[in-house]
Amino acid sequence: MTEASIARARTAGADPLNYRHWPHADASLDAVSFLFAAHEIRHPEGRQALFAEALRTLRPGGRLLVVEHLRDLPNLLVYGPGAFHFVSRRTWLGAWPGFALISERRLTAFTRLFLLEKPC
C-alpha cells in the first residue's frame, strides 16, 4: 500500500486498520466481509496475512464473505488495462488456506461472490 493517498492519510493522523493484526480476540467473530477491498492488498503475502487474520478471529463455523471483480474477459472489456488491478479467480481460490468454500456465484457479469467457512 504505497499509494500517495495512503501516505497522506498516515501523515494527517489517520489510523488505518492494520490488516495483519486485528483488534479482536481469537474465535470472537461470527462473520467477516471483504467487499471490493481485498484486491487492494497488492502482494500475495499481504492477502495471506489478511485471510489468516480472518481465520484467527472467526469462531468455528464462522463465515467469510468475499465480493470482488475478477481479472477476466468481461472486466477487461469494461475496464481495459485497469482490469489487471484485479485478481484472477484462480488466485482467489488459492488465497484463503484453512477455509472451506461453501458457495461461489456471479453477482453481475463483472463481480463474483465467494462464501467461505471456518471449519468446526
N, C-alpha and C. Protein backbone atom coordinates (compact mmCIF):
# COMPACT_ATOMS: atom_id res chain seq x y z
N MET A 1 0.85 -1.17 0.00
CA MET A 1 0.00 0.00 0.00
C MET A 1 0.89 1.23 0.00
N THR A 2 1.43 1.54 -1.15
CA THR A 2 2.39 2.64 -1.24
C THR A 2 1.84 3.85 -1.97
N GLU A 3 0.54 3.87 -2.24
CA GLU A 3 -0.04 4.99 -2.98
C GLU A 3 0.12 6.29 -2.20
N ALA A 4 0.21 7.37 -2.92
CA ALA A 4 0.40 8.68 -2.30
C ALA A 4 -0.74 9.02 -1.35
N SER A 5 -1.96 8.62 -1.68
CA SER A 5 -3.09 8.94 -0.80
C SER A 5 -2.96 8.24 0.55
N ILE A 6 -2.43 7.04 0.57
CA ILE A 6 -2.22 6.33 1.83
C ILE A 6 -1.16 7.07 2.66
N ALA A 7 -0.09 7.49 2.00
CA ALA A 7 0.96 8.22 2.71
C ALA A 7 0.41 9.52 3.29
N ARG A 8 -0.43 10.24 2.52
CA ARG A 8 -1.02 11.49 3.03
C ARG A 8 -1.93 11.21 4.22
N ALA A 9 -2.72 10.15 4.15
CA ALA A 9 -3.62 9.82 5.25
C ALA A 9 -2.84 9.52 6.52
N ARG A 10 -1.74 8.82 6.38
CA ARG A 10 -0.93 8.49 7.56
C ARG A 10 -0.32 9.74 8.18
N THR A 11 0.12 10.68 7.36
CA THR A 11 0.72 11.90 7.92
C THR A 11 -0.35 12.83 8.49
N ALA A 12 -1.59 12.66 8.05
CA ALA A 12 -2.68 13.50 8.57
C ALA A 12 -3.23 12.98 9.89
N GLY A 13 -2.66 11.90 10.40
CA GLY A 13 -3.09 11.39 11.68
C GLY A 13 -4.10 10.26 11.59
N ALA A 14 -4.42 9.82 10.39
CA ALA A 14 -5.36 8.71 10.25
C ALA A 14 -4.73 7.44 10.82
N ASP A 15 -5.54 6.59 11.36
CA ASP A 15 -5.07 5.33 11.93
C ASP A 15 -5.66 4.18 11.12
N PRO A 16 -5.05 3.84 9.98
CA PRO A 16 -5.63 2.80 9.14
C PRO A 16 -5.59 1.44 9.84
N LEU A 17 -6.57 0.63 9.55
CA LEU A 17 -6.62 -0.72 10.11
C LEU A 17 -5.40 -1.50 9.67
N ASN A 18 -4.75 -2.13 10.60
CA ASN A 18 -3.62 -2.99 10.28
C ASN A 18 -4.19 -4.35 9.94
N TYR A 19 -4.12 -4.72 8.68
CA TYR A 19 -4.75 -5.97 8.25
C TYR A 19 -4.00 -7.21 8.72
N ARG A 20 -2.83 -7.02 9.30
CA ARG A 20 -2.06 -8.16 9.82
C ARG A 20 -2.35 -8.45 11.29
N HIS A 21 -2.90 -7.48 12.01
CA HIS A 21 -3.18 -7.65 13.44
C HIS A 21 -4.47 -6.93 13.78
N TRP A 22 -5.59 -7.67 13.76
CA TRP A 22 -6.88 -7.07 14.06
C TRP A 22 -7.08 -6.94 15.56
N PRO A 23 -7.84 -5.96 15.98
CA PRO A 23 -8.07 -5.77 17.41
C PRO A 23 -9.21 -6.65 17.94
N HIS A 24 -9.20 -7.93 17.59
CA HIS A 24 -10.24 -8.87 18.03
C HIS A 24 -9.57 -10.12 18.59
N ALA A 25 -10.22 -10.72 19.56
CA ALA A 25 -9.71 -11.95 20.16
C ALA A 25 -9.89 -13.13 19.21
N ASP A 26 -9.13 -14.17 19.45
CA ASP A 26 -9.27 -15.40 18.67
C ASP A 26 -10.70 -15.91 18.77
N ALA A 27 -11.23 -16.40 17.64
CA ALA A 27 -12.56 -17.03 17.59
C ALA A 27 -13.65 -16.16 18.21
N SER A 28 -13.60 -14.85 17.97
CA SER A 28 -14.56 -13.94 18.59
C SER A 28 -15.62 -13.40 17.63
N LEU A 29 -15.49 -13.66 16.34
CA LEU A 29 -16.42 -13.10 15.35
C LEU A 29 -17.24 -14.20 14.70
N ASP A 30 -18.50 -13.86 14.38
CA ASP A 30 -19.36 -14.80 13.66
C ASP A 30 -19.20 -14.67 12.16
N ALA A 31 -18.92 -13.47 11.68
CA ALA A 31 -18.82 -13.23 10.25
C ALA A 31 -17.88 -12.07 9.96
N VAL A 32 -17.26 -12.14 8.79
CA VAL A 32 -16.37 -11.09 8.29
C VAL A 32 -16.71 -10.92 6.82
N SER A 33 -16.63 -9.70 6.32
CA SER A 33 -16.85 -9.49 4.88
C SER A 33 -15.76 -8.60 4.31
N PHE A 34 -15.33 -8.96 3.12
CA PHE A 34 -14.40 -8.16 2.34
C PHE A 34 -15.12 -7.82 1.04
N LEU A 35 -15.62 -6.61 0.94
CA LEU A 35 -16.41 -6.19 -0.21
C LEU A 35 -15.61 -5.24 -1.08
N PHE A 36 -15.16 -5.72 -2.21
CA PHE A 36 -14.39 -4.93 -3.18
C PHE A 36 -13.18 -4.28 -2.53
N ALA A 37 -12.53 -4.96 -1.60
CA ALA A 37 -11.42 -4.36 -0.88
C ALA A 37 -10.17 -5.23 -0.83
N ALA A 38 -10.32 -6.53 -0.75
CA ALA A 38 -9.16 -7.41 -0.54
C ALA A 38 -8.16 -7.32 -1.68
N HIS A 39 -8.62 -7.03 -2.89
CA HIS A 39 -7.69 -6.94 -4.03
C HIS A 39 -6.76 -5.72 -3.91
N GLU A 40 -7.12 -4.79 -3.04
CA GLU A 40 -6.27 -3.61 -2.87
C GLU A 40 -4.95 -3.95 -2.17
N ILE A 41 -4.90 -5.07 -1.50
CA ILE A 41 -3.64 -5.55 -0.94
C ILE A 41 -2.93 -6.24 -2.08
N ARG A 42 -1.94 -5.59 -2.63
CA ARG A 42 -1.37 -5.97 -3.92
C ARG A 42 -0.46 -7.19 -3.87
N HIS A 43 0.15 -7.47 -2.74
CA HIS A 43 1.12 -8.57 -2.66
C HIS A 43 0.46 -9.81 -2.07
N PRO A 44 0.74 -10.98 -2.65
CA PRO A 44 0.14 -12.22 -2.14
C PRO A 44 0.37 -12.44 -0.64
N GLU A 45 1.55 -12.07 -0.14
CA GLU A 45 1.84 -12.25 1.28
C GLU A 45 0.89 -11.42 2.14
N GLY A 46 0.59 -10.23 1.68
CA GLY A 46 -0.34 -9.37 2.42
C GLY A 46 -1.75 -9.94 2.42
N ARG A 47 -2.19 -10.45 1.26
CA ARG A 47 -3.51 -11.08 1.20
C ARG A 47 -3.57 -12.31 2.09
N GLN A 48 -2.48 -13.09 2.12
CA GLN A 48 -2.43 -14.26 3.00
C GLN A 48 -2.56 -13.83 4.46
N ALA A 49 -1.90 -12.75 4.83
CA ALA A 49 -2.00 -12.23 6.20
C ALA A 49 -3.42 -11.79 6.51
N LEU A 50 -4.07 -11.14 5.56
CA LEU A 50 -5.46 -10.70 5.74
C LEU A 50 -6.37 -11.89 6.01
N PHE A 51 -6.26 -12.92 5.17
CA PHE A 51 -7.12 -14.09 5.34
C PHE A 51 -6.75 -14.89 6.59
N ALA A 52 -5.48 -14.87 6.97
CA ALA A 52 -5.07 -15.55 8.22
C ALA A 52 -5.71 -14.86 9.42
N GLU A 53 -5.80 -13.54 9.40
CA GLU A 53 -6.45 -12.82 10.50
C GLU A 53 -7.94 -13.12 10.53
N ALA A 54 -8.56 -13.21 9.36
CA ALA A 54 -9.98 -13.59 9.33
C ALA A 54 -10.16 -14.98 9.92
N LEU A 55 -9.29 -15.90 9.56
CA LEU A 55 -9.37 -17.26 10.08
C LEU A 55 -9.16 -17.28 11.60
N ARG A 56 -8.21 -16.50 12.07
CA ARG A 56 -7.92 -16.45 13.51
C ARG A 56 -9.11 -15.90 14.30
N THR A 57 -9.74 -14.85 13.80
CA THR A 57 -10.77 -14.16 14.56
C THR A 57 -12.15 -14.77 14.43
N LEU A 58 -12.38 -15.57 13.40
CA LEU A 58 -13.70 -16.21 13.25
C LEU A 58 -13.82 -17.41 14.18
N ARG A 59 -14.99 -17.57 14.72
CA ARG A 59 -15.27 -18.75 15.53
C ARG A 59 -15.40 -19.96 14.59
N PRO A 60 -15.27 -21.19 15.08
CA PRO A 60 -15.52 -22.35 14.23
C PRO A 60 -16.93 -22.28 13.64
N GLY A 61 -17.04 -22.50 12.36
CA GLY A 61 -18.32 -22.35 11.67
C GLY A 61 -18.61 -20.94 11.22
N GLY A 62 -17.73 -19.98 11.56
CA GLY A 62 -17.91 -18.59 11.15
C GLY A 62 -17.75 -18.44 9.65
N ARG A 63 -18.36 -17.43 9.10
CA ARG A 63 -18.39 -17.23 7.65
C ARG A 63 -17.60 -16.00 7.22
N LEU A 64 -16.99 -16.12 6.06
CA LEU A 64 -16.28 -15.01 5.43
C LEU A 64 -16.89 -14.80 4.05
N LEU A 65 -17.35 -13.59 3.79
CA LEU A 65 -17.94 -13.22 2.50
C LEU A 65 -16.93 -12.36 1.75
N VAL A 66 -16.57 -12.78 0.54
CA VAL A 66 -15.65 -12.02 -0.31
C VAL A 66 -16.39 -11.69 -1.60
N VAL A 67 -16.47 -10.42 -1.93
CA VAL A 67 -17.07 -9.97 -3.20
C VAL A 67 -16.02 -9.15 -3.91
N GLU A 68 -15.73 -9.53 -5.15
CA GLU A 68 -14.66 -8.87 -5.92
C GLU A 68 -14.95 -8.88 -7.41
N HIS A 69 -14.35 -7.93 -8.10
CA HIS A 69 -14.21 -8.02 -9.55
C HIS A 69 -13.09 -9.03 -9.81
N LEU A 70 -13.14 -9.71 -10.93
CA LEU A 70 -12.08 -10.64 -11.27
C LEU A 70 -11.26 -10.11 -12.44
N ARG A 71 -10.06 -10.57 -12.53
CA ARG A 71 -9.24 -10.30 -13.70
C ARG A 71 -9.67 -11.34 -14.75
N ASP A 72 -10.69 -10.95 -15.53
CA ASP A 72 -11.25 -11.86 -16.53
C ASP A 72 -11.69 -11.07 -17.76
N LEU A 73 -12.19 -11.76 -18.76
CA LEU A 73 -12.55 -11.11 -20.03
C LEU A 73 -13.63 -10.04 -19.87
N PRO A 74 -14.75 -10.30 -19.16
CA PRO A 74 -15.75 -9.23 -19.04
C PRO A 74 -15.18 -7.96 -18.42
N ASN A 75 -14.36 -8.08 -17.37
CA ASN A 75 -13.79 -6.89 -16.75
C ASN A 75 -12.73 -6.24 -17.64
N LEU A 76 -12.01 -7.05 -18.41
CA LEU A 76 -11.04 -6.49 -19.35
C LEU A 76 -11.75 -5.65 -20.41
N LEU A 77 -12.90 -6.13 -20.88
CA LEU A 77 -13.65 -5.38 -21.89
C LEU A 77 -14.19 -4.06 -21.34
N VAL A 78 -14.55 -4.03 -20.08
CA VAL A 78 -15.10 -2.82 -19.47
C VAL A 78 -14.02 -1.88 -18.98
N TYR A 79 -13.03 -2.42 -18.27
CA TYR A 79 -12.02 -1.59 -17.62
C TYR A 79 -10.73 -1.46 -18.42
N GLY A 80 -10.60 -2.22 -19.51
CA GLY A 80 -9.37 -2.18 -20.28
C GLY A 80 -8.20 -2.63 -19.41
N PRO A 81 -7.04 -2.00 -19.57
CA PRO A 81 -5.88 -2.39 -18.79
C PRO A 81 -6.09 -2.26 -17.28
N GLY A 82 -7.07 -1.47 -16.86
CA GLY A 82 -7.37 -1.33 -15.44
C GLY A 82 -7.80 -2.64 -14.80
N ALA A 83 -8.26 -3.59 -15.61
CA ALA A 83 -8.68 -4.90 -15.08
C ALA A 83 -7.50 -5.68 -14.51
N PHE A 84 -6.28 -5.32 -14.89
CA PHE A 84 -5.12 -6.01 -14.34
C PHE A 84 -4.88 -5.64 -12.87
N HIS A 85 -5.61 -4.65 -12.39
CA HIS A 85 -5.58 -4.30 -10.96
C HIS A 85 -6.30 -5.38 -10.14
N PHE A 86 -7.22 -6.11 -10.80
CA PHE A 86 -7.99 -7.14 -10.11
C PHE A 86 -7.20 -8.44 -10.07
N VAL A 87 -7.71 -9.40 -9.31
CA VAL A 87 -7.06 -10.69 -9.12
C VAL A 87 -7.87 -11.76 -9.85
N SER A 88 -7.20 -12.75 -10.39
CA SER A 88 -7.90 -13.81 -11.12
C SER A 88 -8.66 -14.72 -10.17
N ARG A 89 -9.65 -15.42 -10.69
CA ARG A 89 -10.41 -16.40 -9.91
C ARG A 89 -9.46 -17.46 -9.34
N ARG A 90 -8.57 -17.92 -10.15
CA ARG A 90 -7.61 -18.95 -9.71
C ARG A 90 -6.78 -18.46 -8.52
N THR A 91 -6.35 -17.21 -8.56
CA THR A 91 -5.59 -16.64 -7.45
C THR A 91 -6.44 -16.58 -6.20
N TRP A 92 -7.71 -16.13 -6.34
CA TRP A 92 -8.59 -16.08 -5.17
C TRP A 92 -8.77 -17.46 -4.57
N LEU A 93 -8.98 -18.46 -5.40
CA LEU A 93 -9.24 -19.80 -4.87
C LEU A 93 -8.07 -20.35 -4.07
N GLY A 94 -6.87 -19.84 -4.31
CA GLY A 94 -5.70 -20.25 -3.54
C GLY A 94 -5.31 -19.29 -2.43
N ALA A 95 -6.12 -18.26 -2.22
CA ALA A 95 -5.74 -17.18 -1.30
C ALA A 95 -6.17 -17.40 0.14
N TRP A 96 -7.00 -18.37 0.40
CA TRP A 96 -7.57 -18.50 1.74
C TRP A 96 -7.41 -19.90 2.32
N PRO A 97 -6.18 -20.35 2.52
CA PRO A 97 -6.00 -21.68 3.13
C PRO A 97 -6.65 -21.74 4.51
N GLY A 98 -7.21 -22.89 4.81
CA GLY A 98 -7.87 -23.08 6.09
C GLY A 98 -9.37 -22.88 6.03
N PHE A 99 -9.86 -22.23 4.98
CA PHE A 99 -11.30 -22.02 4.80
C PHE A 99 -11.86 -23.06 3.85
N ALA A 100 -13.12 -23.39 4.03
CA ALA A 100 -13.86 -24.22 3.09
C ALA A 100 -14.73 -23.31 2.23
N LEU A 101 -14.69 -23.50 0.92
CA LEU A 101 -15.55 -22.73 0.02
C LEU A 101 -16.95 -23.34 0.07
N ILE A 102 -17.90 -22.56 0.54
CA ILE A 102 -19.29 -23.01 0.70
C ILE A 102 -20.09 -22.73 -0.57
N SER A 103 -19.86 -21.56 -1.14
CA SER A 103 -20.63 -21.13 -2.30
C SER A 103 -19.82 -20.15 -3.12
N GLU A 104 -20.03 -20.20 -4.41
CA GLU A 104 -19.41 -19.24 -5.33
C GLU A 104 -20.42 -18.95 -6.43
N ARG A 105 -20.62 -17.67 -6.71
CA ARG A 105 -21.54 -17.32 -7.81
C ARG A 105 -21.26 -15.92 -8.32
N ARG A 106 -21.69 -15.69 -9.52
CA ARG A 106 -21.60 -14.35 -10.09
C ARG A 106 -22.73 -13.50 -9.53
N LEU A 107 -22.42 -12.29 -9.13
CA LEU A 107 -23.45 -11.34 -8.74
C LEU A 107 -23.92 -10.56 -9.95
N THR A 108 -22.96 -10.16 -10.78
CA THR A 108 -23.22 -9.49 -12.05
C THR A 108 -22.25 -10.09 -13.06
N ALA A 109 -22.28 -9.60 -14.27
CA ALA A 109 -21.32 -10.08 -15.27
C ALA A 109 -19.88 -9.74 -14.87
N PHE A 110 -19.72 -8.81 -13.93
CA PHE A 110 -18.40 -8.31 -13.60
C PHE A 110 -17.93 -8.63 -12.17
N THR A 111 -18.81 -9.17 -11.36
CA THR A 111 -18.45 -9.41 -9.96
C THR A 111 -18.76 -10.85 -9.54
N ARG A 112 -17.99 -11.33 -8.58
CA ARG A 112 -18.16 -12.69 -8.08
C ARG A 112 -18.21 -12.66 -6.55
N LEU A 113 -19.05 -13.54 -6.02
CA LEU A 113 -19.19 -13.70 -4.58
C LEU A 113 -18.62 -15.06 -4.19
N PHE A 114 -17.80 -15.06 -3.16
CA PHE A 114 -17.27 -16.29 -2.57
C PHE A 114 -17.71 -16.31 -1.11
N LEU A 115 -18.37 -17.39 -0.70
CA LEU A 115 -18.76 -17.56 0.69
C LEU A 115 -17.92 -18.69 1.27
N LEU A 116 -17.16 -18.36 2.31
CA LEU A 116 -16.22 -19.30 2.92
C LEU A 116 -16.65 -19.57 4.36
N GLU A 117 -16.19 -20.71 4.87
CA GLU A 117 -16.50 -21.05 6.25
C GLU A 117 -15.25 -21.59 6.94
N LYS A 118 -15.09 -21.19 8.20
CA LYS A 118 -14.02 -21.74 9.02
C LYS A 118 -14.49 -23.10 9.52
N PRO A 119 -13.73 -24.16 9.27
CA PRO A 119 -14.18 -25.48 9.72
C PRO A 119 -14.34 -25.55 11.23
N CYS A 120 -15.25 -26.40 11.65
CA CYS A 120 -15.51 -26.61 13.10
C CYS A 120 -14.43 -27.48 13.71
